[in-house]
């Protein structure tokens, strides 16, 4: 597949039922991009809630690793995040959590991935922010199965930077696709297979990122 950038909107007004598109693409190639996964009005509400939480000082600098290996590393990533759950989600975020639960059930029904737990955070990349190439799955376990990113940025252009670069193979010079973080666009990919990065952004870039994990073996 050639390297390139995806369009902001699907061509020729094509419309595919979102869950069917996601499960089909995950089965075929391990990743999927769906435009207008949420309405423009819903995305605007999500963005305003995120702005409100940021103004309140709820966001913190993101790090890498977890538990004892957790550290802040400005050379690797430059975003600020707020972990979200049913306890602190605002109304539009709570509704989005419910929609992701529907997605979890659809993926399990069609692909038998055993998705169980969802961890999710809101993320803001300020101008100059980036996240170097990485896998979402942690090195010493394989519990993260599916990564899910919803973008909230209106009228995003290629000149704004901040694309999600999905690498289609592990080779350093291999093929990739660049996905612009346009409002309402949902990206899903297999967490342990899809290396990716956030290219340097030239304007504030907002998203909600989640990871579905399988239940650990007893």
C-alpha atoms as a PDB file:
ATOM      1  CA  UNK A   1       0.000   0.000   0.000  1.00  0.00           C
ATOM      2  CA  UNK A   2       1.476   3.376  -0.918  1.00  0.00           C
ATOM      3  CA  UNK A   3       2.430   5.958   1.642  1.00  0.00           C
ATOM      4  CA  UNK A   4       0.042   8.906   1.784  1.00  0.00           C
ATOM      5  CA  UNK A   5      -2.506  10.984   3.658  1.00  0.00           C
ATOM      6  CA  UNK A   6      -6.151  10.076   4.098  1.00  0.00           C
ATOM      7  CA  UNK A   7      -8.803  12.591   2.994  1.00  0.00           C
ATOM      8  CA  UNK A   8     -10.681  14.571   5.605  1.00  0.00           C
ATOM      9  CA  UNK A   9     -14.033  13.142   4.421  1.00  0.00           C
ATOM     10  CA  UNK A  10     -14.883   9.823   2.701  1.00  0.00           C
ATOM     11  CA  UNK A  11     -15.101  10.128  -1.098  1.00  0.00           C
ATOM     12  CA  UNK A  12     -18.376  10.285  -3.036  1.00  0.00           C
ATOM     13  CA  UNK A  13     -20.501  10.541   0.077  1.00  0.00           C
ATOM     14  CA  UNK A  14     -19.974   6.889   0.910  1.00  0.00           C
ATOM     15  CA  UNK A  15     -21.536   5.833   4.194  1.00  0.00           C
ATOM     16  CA  UNK A  16     -20.867   2.504   5.911  1.00  0.00           C
ATOM     17  CA  UNK A  17     -22.406   1.458   9.226  1.00  0.00           C
ATOM     18  CA  UNK A  18     -19.568   2.317  11.645  1.00  0.00           C
ATOM     19  CA  UNK A  19     -19.344  -0.878  13.668  1.00  0.00           C
ATOM     20  CA  UNK A  20     -19.459  -3.093  10.555  1.00  0.00           C
ATOM     21  CA  UNK A  21     -16.746  -0.994   8.931  1.00  0.00           C
ATOM     22  CA  UNK A  22     -14.577  -1.243  12.022  1.00  0.00           C
ATOM     23  CA  UNK A  23     -14.901  -4.995  12.505  1.00  0.00           C
ATOM     24  CA  UNK A  24     -14.390  -5.644   8.796  1.00  0.00           C
ATOM     25  CA  UNK A  25     -11.258  -3.518   8.524  1.00  0.00           C
ATOM     26  CA  UNK A  26      -9.786  -4.845  11.776  1.00  0.00           C
ATOM     27  CA  UNK A  27     -10.189  -8.395  10.477  1.00  0.00           C
ATOM     28  CA  UNK A  28      -8.714  -7.540   7.082  1.00  0.00           C
ATOM     29  CA  UNK A  29      -5.813  -5.233   7.937  1.00  0.00           C
ATOM     30  CA  UNK A  30      -5.724  -4.520  11.692  1.00  0.00           C
ATOM     31  CA  UNK A  31      -6.777  -0.862  11.567  1.00  0.00           C
ATOM     32  CA  UNK A  32      -9.721   1.297  10.520  1.00  0.00           C
ATOM     33  CA  UNK A  33     -10.630   4.968  10.034  1.00  0.00           C
ATOM     34  CA  UNK A  34     -14.283   6.055  10.265  1.00  0.00           C
ATOM     35  CA  UNK A  35     -15.381   9.625   9.628  1.00  0.00           C
ATOM     36  CA  UNK A  36     -18.370  11.197  11.434  1.00  0.00           C
ATOM     37  CA  UNK A  37     -18.366   8.479  14.087  1.00  0.00           C
ATOM     38  CA  UNK A  38     -20.033  11.097  16.292  1.00  0.00           C
ATOM     39  CA  UNK A  39     -22.078  14.032  15.032  1.00  0.00           C
ATOM     40  CA  UNK A  40     -20.559  17.494  14.631  1.00  0.00           C
ATOM     41  CA  UNK A  41     -22.699  18.718  17.532  1.00  0.00           C
ATOM     42  CA  UNK A  42     -21.590  15.879  19.797  1.00  0.00           C
ATOM     43  CA  UNK A  43     -17.928  16.405  18.898  1.00  0.00           C
ATOM     44  CA  UNK A  44     -18.300  20.115  19.679  1.00  0.00           C
ATOM     45  CA  UNK A  45     -19.758  19.268  23.101  1.00  0.00           C
ATOM     46  CA  UNK A  46     -16.885  16.874  23.781  1.00  0.00           C
ATOM     47  CA  UNK A  47     -14.383  19.547  22.813  1.00  0.00           C
ATOM     48  CA  UNK A  48     -16.011  22.152  25.051  1.00  0.00           C
ATOM     49  CA  UNK A  49     -16.034  19.725  27.991  1.00  0.00           C
ATOM     50  CA  UNK A  50     -12.354  19.067  27.421  1.00  0.00           C
ATOM     51  CA  UNK A  51     -11.624  22.789  27.285  1.00  0.00           C
ATOM     52  CA  UNK A  52     -13.533  23.249  30.543  1.00  0.00           C
ATOM     53  CA  UNK A  53     -11.517  20.514  32.271  1.00  0.00           C
ATOM     54  CA  UNK A  54      -8.305  22.050  30.974  1.00  0.00           C
ATOM     55  CA  UNK A  55      -9.241  25.501  32.264  1.00  0.00           C
ATOM     56  CA  UNK A  56      -9.929  23.939  35.666  1.00  0.00           C
ATOM     57  CA  UNK A  57      -6.372  22.549  35.755  1.00  0.00           C
ATOM     58  CA  UNK A  58      -7.445  18.898  35.586  1.00  0.00           C
ATOM     59  CA  UNK A  59      -4.871  17.895  32.958  1.00  0.00           C
ATOM     60  CA  UNK A  60      -1.370  16.626  33.758  1.00  0.00           C
ATOM     61  CA  UNK A  61       1.771  16.067  31.669  1.00  0.00           C
ATOM     62  CA  UNK A  62       1.723  12.599  30.127  1.00  0.00           C
ATOM     63  CA  UNK A  63       4.519  10.104  30.716  1.00  0.00           C
ATOM     64  CA  UNK A  64       5.691   6.757  29.391  1.00  0.00           C
ATOM     65  CA  UNK A  65       5.737   3.341  31.042  1.00  0.00           C
ATOM     66  CA  UNK A  66       3.663   2.382  34.041  1.00  0.00           C
ATOM     67  CA  UNK A  67       3.964   1.579  37.725  1.00  0.00           C
ATOM     68  CA  UNK A  68       7.641   1.757  38.766  1.00  0.00           C
ATOM     69  CA  UNK A  69       8.743   2.267  35.160  1.00  0.00           C
ATOM     70  CA  UNK A  70       6.613   5.407  34.723  1.00  0.00           C
ATOM     71  CA  UNK A  71       8.553   8.556  33.831  1.00  0.00           C
ATOM     72  CA  UNK A  72       8.109  11.931  32.189  1.00  0.00           C
ATOM     73  CA  UNK A  73      10.084  12.150  28.949  1.00  0.00           C
ATOM     74  CA  UNK A  74       9.698  15.349  26.959  1.00  0.00           C
ATOM     75  CA  UNK A  75      11.858  13.866  24.172  1.00  0.00           C
ATOM     76  CA  UNK A  76       9.260  11.131  23.577  1.00  0.00           C
ATOM     77  CA  UNK A  77       5.897  12.822  24.047  1.00  0.00           C
ATOM     78  CA  UNK A  78       4.588  16.297  24.736  1.00  0.00           C
ATOM     79  CA  UNK A  79       0.877  15.990  25.503  1.00  0.00           C
ATOM     80  CA  UNK A  80      -1.236  16.650  28.578  1.00  0.00           C
ATOM     81  CA  UNK A  81      -3.899  14.152  29.610  1.00  0.00           C
ATOM     82  CA  UNK A  82      -6.866  13.593  31.897  1.00  0.00           C
ATOM     83  CA  UNK A  83      -7.937  10.021  32.671  1.00  0.00           C
ATOM     84  CA  UNK A  84     -11.689   9.600  32.240  1.00  0.00           C
ATOM     85  CA  UNK A  85     -14.162   7.108  33.682  1.00  0.00           C
ATOM     86  CA  UNK A  86     -17.807   7.040  34.698  1.00  0.00           C
ATOM     87  CA  UNK A  87     -16.897   8.814  37.935  1.00  0.00           C
ATOM     88  CA  UNK A  88     -15.513  12.015  36.416  1.00  0.00           C
ATOM     89  CA  UNK A  89     -16.893  12.066  32.865  1.00  0.00           C
ATOM     90  CA  UNK A  90     -19.013  15.046  31.900  1.00  0.00           C
ATOM     91  CA  UNK A  91     -22.345  14.429  30.067  1.00  0.00           C
ATOM     92  CA  UNK A  92     -21.073  14.195  26.468  1.00  0.00           C
ATOM     93  CA  UNK A  93     -18.072  12.121  27.625  1.00  0.00           C
ATOM     94  CA  UNK A  94     -20.391   9.809  29.551  1.00  0.00           C
ATOM     95  CA  UNK A  95     -22.470   9.313  26.420  1.00  0.00           C
ATOM     96  CA  UNK A  96     -19.318   8.531  24.445  1.00  0.00           C
ATOM     97  CA  UNK A  97     -18.333   5.923  27.044  1.00  0.00           C
ATOM     98  CA  UNK A  98     -21.696   4.265  26.462  1.00  0.00           C
ATOM     99  CA  UNK A  99     -21.097   4.241  22.696  1.00  0.00           C
ATOM    100  CA  UNK A 100     -17.707   2.603  23.203  1.00  0.00           C
ATOM    101  CA  UNK A 101     -19.417  -0.097  25.238  1.00  0.00           C
ATOM    102  CA  UNK A 102     -21.593  -0.800  22.193  1.00  0.00           C
ATOM    103  CA  UNK A 103     -18.435  -0.953  20.069  1.00  0.00           C
ATOM    104  CA  UNK A 104     -16.819  -3.376  22.532  1.00  0.00           C
ATOM    105  CA  UNK A 105     -19.769  -5.730  22.258  1.00  0.00           C
ATOM    106  CA  UNK A 106     -19.832  -5.540  18.467  1.00  0.00           C
ATOM    107  CA  UNK A 107     -16.102  -6.300  18.160  1.00  0.00           C
ATOM    108  CA  UNK A 108     -16.342  -9.210  20.588  1.00  0.00           C
ATOM    109  CA  UNK A 109     -19.387 -10.574  18.780  1.00  0.00           C
ATOM    110  CA  UNK A 110     -17.738 -10.442  15.350  1.00  0.00           C
ATOM    111  CA  UNK A 111     -14.043 -10.969  16.087  1.00  0.00           C
ATOM    112  CA  UNK A 112     -13.965 -12.814  19.448  1.00  0.00           C
ATOM    113  CA  UNK A 113     -11.185 -10.579  20.801  1.00  0.00           C
ATOM    114  CA  UNK A 114     -12.258 -10.904  24.437  1.00  0.00           C
ATOM    115  CA  UNK A 115     -12.307  -7.147  25.038  1.00  0.00           C
ATOM    116  CA  UNK A 116     -13.087  -6.524  28.689  1.00  0.00           C
ATOM    117  CA  UNK A 117     -11.728  -3.377  30.329  1.00  0.00           C
ATOM    118  CA  UNK A 118     -11.594   0.143  28.874  1.00  0.00           C
ATOM    119  CA  UNK A 119      -9.026   2.739  29.964  1.00  0.00           C
ATOM    120  CA  UNK A 120      -9.507   6.178  28.440  1.00  0.00           C
ATOM    121  CA  UNK A 121      -8.046   9.655  28.635  1.00  0.00           C
ATOM    122  CA  UNK A 122      -8.573  13.042  27.037  1.00  0.00           C
ATOM    123  CA  UNK A 123      -5.396  14.402  25.450  1.00  0.00           C
ATOM    124  CA  UNK A 124      -4.249  17.861  24.388  1.00  0.00           C
ATOM    125  CA  UNK A 125      -1.118  18.398  22.311  1.00  0.00           C
ATOM    126  CA  UNK A 126      -0.055  22.070  22.424  1.00  0.00           C
ATOM    127  CA  UNK A 127       1.695  23.612  19.398  1.00  0.00           C
ATOM    128  CA  UNK A 128       5.048  21.864  19.064  1.00  0.00           C
ATOM    129  CA  UNK A 129       3.729  18.692  20.746  1.00  0.00           C
ATOM    130  CA  UNK A 130       4.407  15.208  19.366  1.00  0.00           C
ATOM    131  CA  UNK A 131       4.621  11.550  20.370  1.00  0.00           C
ATOM    132  CA  UNK A 132       7.438   9.430  18.950  1.00  0.00           C
ATOM    133  CA  UNK A 133       6.883   6.079  17.249  1.00  0.00           C
ATOM    134  CA  UNK A 134       5.641   3.407  19.658  1.00  0.00           C
ATOM    135  CA  UNK A 135       3.286   0.500  20.325  1.00  0.00           C
ATOM    136  CA  UNK A 136       0.382   0.882  22.743  1.00  0.00           C
ATOM    137  CA  UNK A 137       0.823  -2.631  24.148  1.00  0.00           C
ATOM    138  CA  UNK A 138       3.107  -2.738  27.169  1.00  0.00           C
ATOM    139  CA  UNK A 139       6.342  -4.660  26.741  1.00  0.00           C
ATOM    140  CA  UNK A 140       5.817  -7.204  29.515  1.00  0.00           C
ATOM    141  CA  UNK A 141       2.168  -8.087  28.968  1.00  0.00           C
ATOM    142  CA  UNK A 142      -0.245  -8.346  26.069  1.00  0.00           C
ATOM    143  CA  UNK A 143      -3.475  -7.286  27.780  1.00  0.00           C
ATOM    144  CA  UNK A 144      -4.085  -4.208  25.608  1.00  0.00           C
ATOM    145  CA  UNK A 145      -5.861  -5.394  22.482  1.00  0.00           C
ATOM    146  CA  UNK A 146      -7.570  -2.502  20.710  1.00  0.00           C
ATOM    147  CA  UNK A 147      -6.709   1.217  20.601  1.00  0.00           C
ATOM    148  CA  UNK A 148      -9.510   3.693  19.886  1.00  0.00           C
ATOM    149  CA  UNK A 149      -8.947   7.414  19.157  1.00  0.00           C
ATOM    150  CA  UNK A 150     -11.639  10.029  18.571  1.00  0.00           C
ATOM    151  CA  UNK A 151     -10.542  13.434  17.250  1.00  0.00           C
ATOM    152  CA  UNK A 152     -12.240  16.712  18.174  1.00  0.00           C
ATOM    153  CA  UNK A 153     -10.493  19.325  15.999  1.00  0.00           C
ATOM    154  CA  UNK A 154     -12.599  21.409  13.620  1.00  0.00           C
ATOM    155  CA  UNK A 155     -11.344  22.330  10.153  1.00  0.00           C
ATOM    156  CA  UNK A 156      -7.973  20.612  10.399  1.00  0.00           C
ATOM    157  CA  UNK A 157      -5.606  20.943   7.446  1.00  0.00           C
ATOM    158  CA  UNK A 158      -2.391  19.163   6.482  1.00  0.00           C
ATOM    159  CA  UNK A 159      -0.472  22.390   7.121  1.00  0.00           C
ATOM    160  CA  UNK A 160      -1.554  22.160  10.800  1.00  0.00           C
ATOM    161  CA  UNK A 161       0.637  19.070  11.279  1.00  0.00           C
ATOM    162  CA  UNK A 162      -0.361  16.703  14.082  1.00  0.00           C
ATOM    163  CA  UNK A 163      -1.199  13.741  11.846  1.00  0.00           C
ATOM    164  CA  UNK A 164      -1.387  10.265  13.334  1.00  0.00           C
ATOM    165  CA  UNK A 165       1.145   8.250  11.359  1.00  0.00           C
ATOM    166  CA  UNK A 166       0.229   4.555  11.238  1.00  0.00           C
ATOM    167  CA  UNK A 167       3.102   2.331  10.150  1.00  0.00           C
ATOM    168  CA  UNK A 168       2.000  -0.595   8.013  1.00  0.00           C
ATOM    169  CA  UNK A 169       5.080  -2.702   8.751  1.00  0.00           C
ATOM    170  CA  UNK A 170       7.911  -2.721  11.286  1.00  0.00           C
ATOM    171  CA  UNK A 171      10.671  -1.640   8.876  1.00  0.00           C
ATOM    172  CA  UNK A 172      12.017   1.864   9.647  1.00  0.00           C
ATOM    173  CA  UNK A 173      11.483   2.933   6.022  1.00  0.00           C
ATOM    174  CA  UNK A 174       8.287   0.969   5.493  1.00  0.00           C
ATOM    175  CA  UNK A 175       4.922   2.181   4.229  1.00  0.00           C
ATOM    176  CA  UNK A 176       2.621   4.274   6.380  1.00  0.00           C
ATOM    177  CA  UNK A 177      -0.576   6.300   6.242  1.00  0.00           C
ATOM    178  CA  UNK A 178      -1.071   9.738   7.794  1.00  0.00           C
ATOM    179  CA  UNK A 179      -4.467  10.371   9.386  1.00  0.00           C
ATOM    180  CA  UNK A 180      -5.463  13.988   9.995  1.00  0.00           C
ATOM    181  CA  UNK A 181      -7.084  14.537  13.430  1.00  0.00           C
ATOM    182  CA  UNK A 182     -10.339  15.919  12.018  1.00  0.00           C
ATOM    183  CA  UNK A 183     -13.372  16.353  14.287  1.00  0.00           C
ATOM    184  CA  UNK A 184     -15.583  13.261  14.555  1.00  0.00           C
ATOM    185  CA  UNK A 185     -13.001  10.916  13.011  1.00  0.00           C
ATOM    186  CA  UNK A 186     -12.435   7.624  14.839  1.00  0.00           C
ATOM    187  CA  UNK A 187      -9.283   5.529  14.399  1.00  0.00           C
ATOM    188  CA  UNK A 188      -9.063   1.979  15.716  1.00  0.00           C
ATOM    189  CA  UNK A 189      -6.105  -0.393  15.508  1.00  0.00           C
ATOM    190  CA  UNK A 190      -4.692  -3.503  17.166  1.00  0.00           C
ATOM    191  CA  UNK A 191      -2.565  -2.306  20.064  1.00  0.00           C
ATOM    192  CA  UNK A 192       0.205  -4.889  19.819  1.00  0.00           C
ATOM    193  CA  UNK A 193       0.649  -4.690  16.029  1.00  0.00           C
ATOM    194  CA  UNK A 194       0.283  -1.084  14.948  1.00  0.00           C
ATOM    195  CA  UNK A 195       3.318   1.103  15.517  1.00  0.00           C
ATOM    196  CA  UNK A 196       2.343   4.753  15.285  1.00  0.00           C
ATOM    197  CA  UNK A 197       3.332   8.282  16.181  1.00  0.00           C
ATOM    198  CA  UNK A 198       1.829  11.758  16.456  1.00  0.00           C
ATOM    199  CA  UNK A 199       3.628  14.142  14.125  1.00  0.00           C
ATOM    200  CA  UNK A 200       4.519  17.569  15.476  1.00  0.00           C
ATOM    201  CA  UNK A 201       1.426  19.726  15.654  1.00  0.00           C
ATOM    202  CA  UNK A 202       1.281  23.427  14.827  1.00  0.00           C
ATOM    203  CA  UNK A 203      -1.976  24.163  16.656  1.00  0.00           C
ATOM    204  CA  UNK A 204      -3.740  22.796  19.709  1.00  0.00           C
ATOM    205  CA  UNK A 205      -4.747  19.200  18.974  1.00  0.00           C
ATOM    206  CA  UNK A 206      -7.428  17.473  21.070  1.00  0.00           C
ATOM    207  CA  UNK A 207      -8.561  13.861  21.168  1.00  0.00           C
ATOM    208  CA  UNK A 208      -9.976  11.136  23.383  1.00  0.00           C
ATOM    209  CA  UNK A 209      -7.941   7.926  23.385  1.00  0.00           C
ATOM    210  CA  UNK A 210      -8.988   4.579  24.799  1.00  0.00           C
ATOM    211  CA  UNK A 211      -7.581   1.073  25.075  1.00  0.00           C
ATOM    212  CA  UNK A 212      -9.658  -2.061  25.371  1.00  0.00           C
ATOM    213  CA  UNK A 213      -7.835  -4.811  27.270  1.00  0.00           C
ATOM    214  CA  UNK A 214      -8.547  -8.481  27.748  1.00  0.00           C
ATOM    215  CA  UNK A 215      -9.016  -9.926  31.211  1.00  0.00           C
ATOM    216  CA  UNK A 216      -5.771 -11.247  32.753  1.00  0.00           C
ATOM    217  CA  UNK A 217      -5.531 -14.974  33.149  1.00  0.00           C
ATOM    218  CA  UNK A 218      -6.113 -16.215  36.666  1.00  0.00           C
END
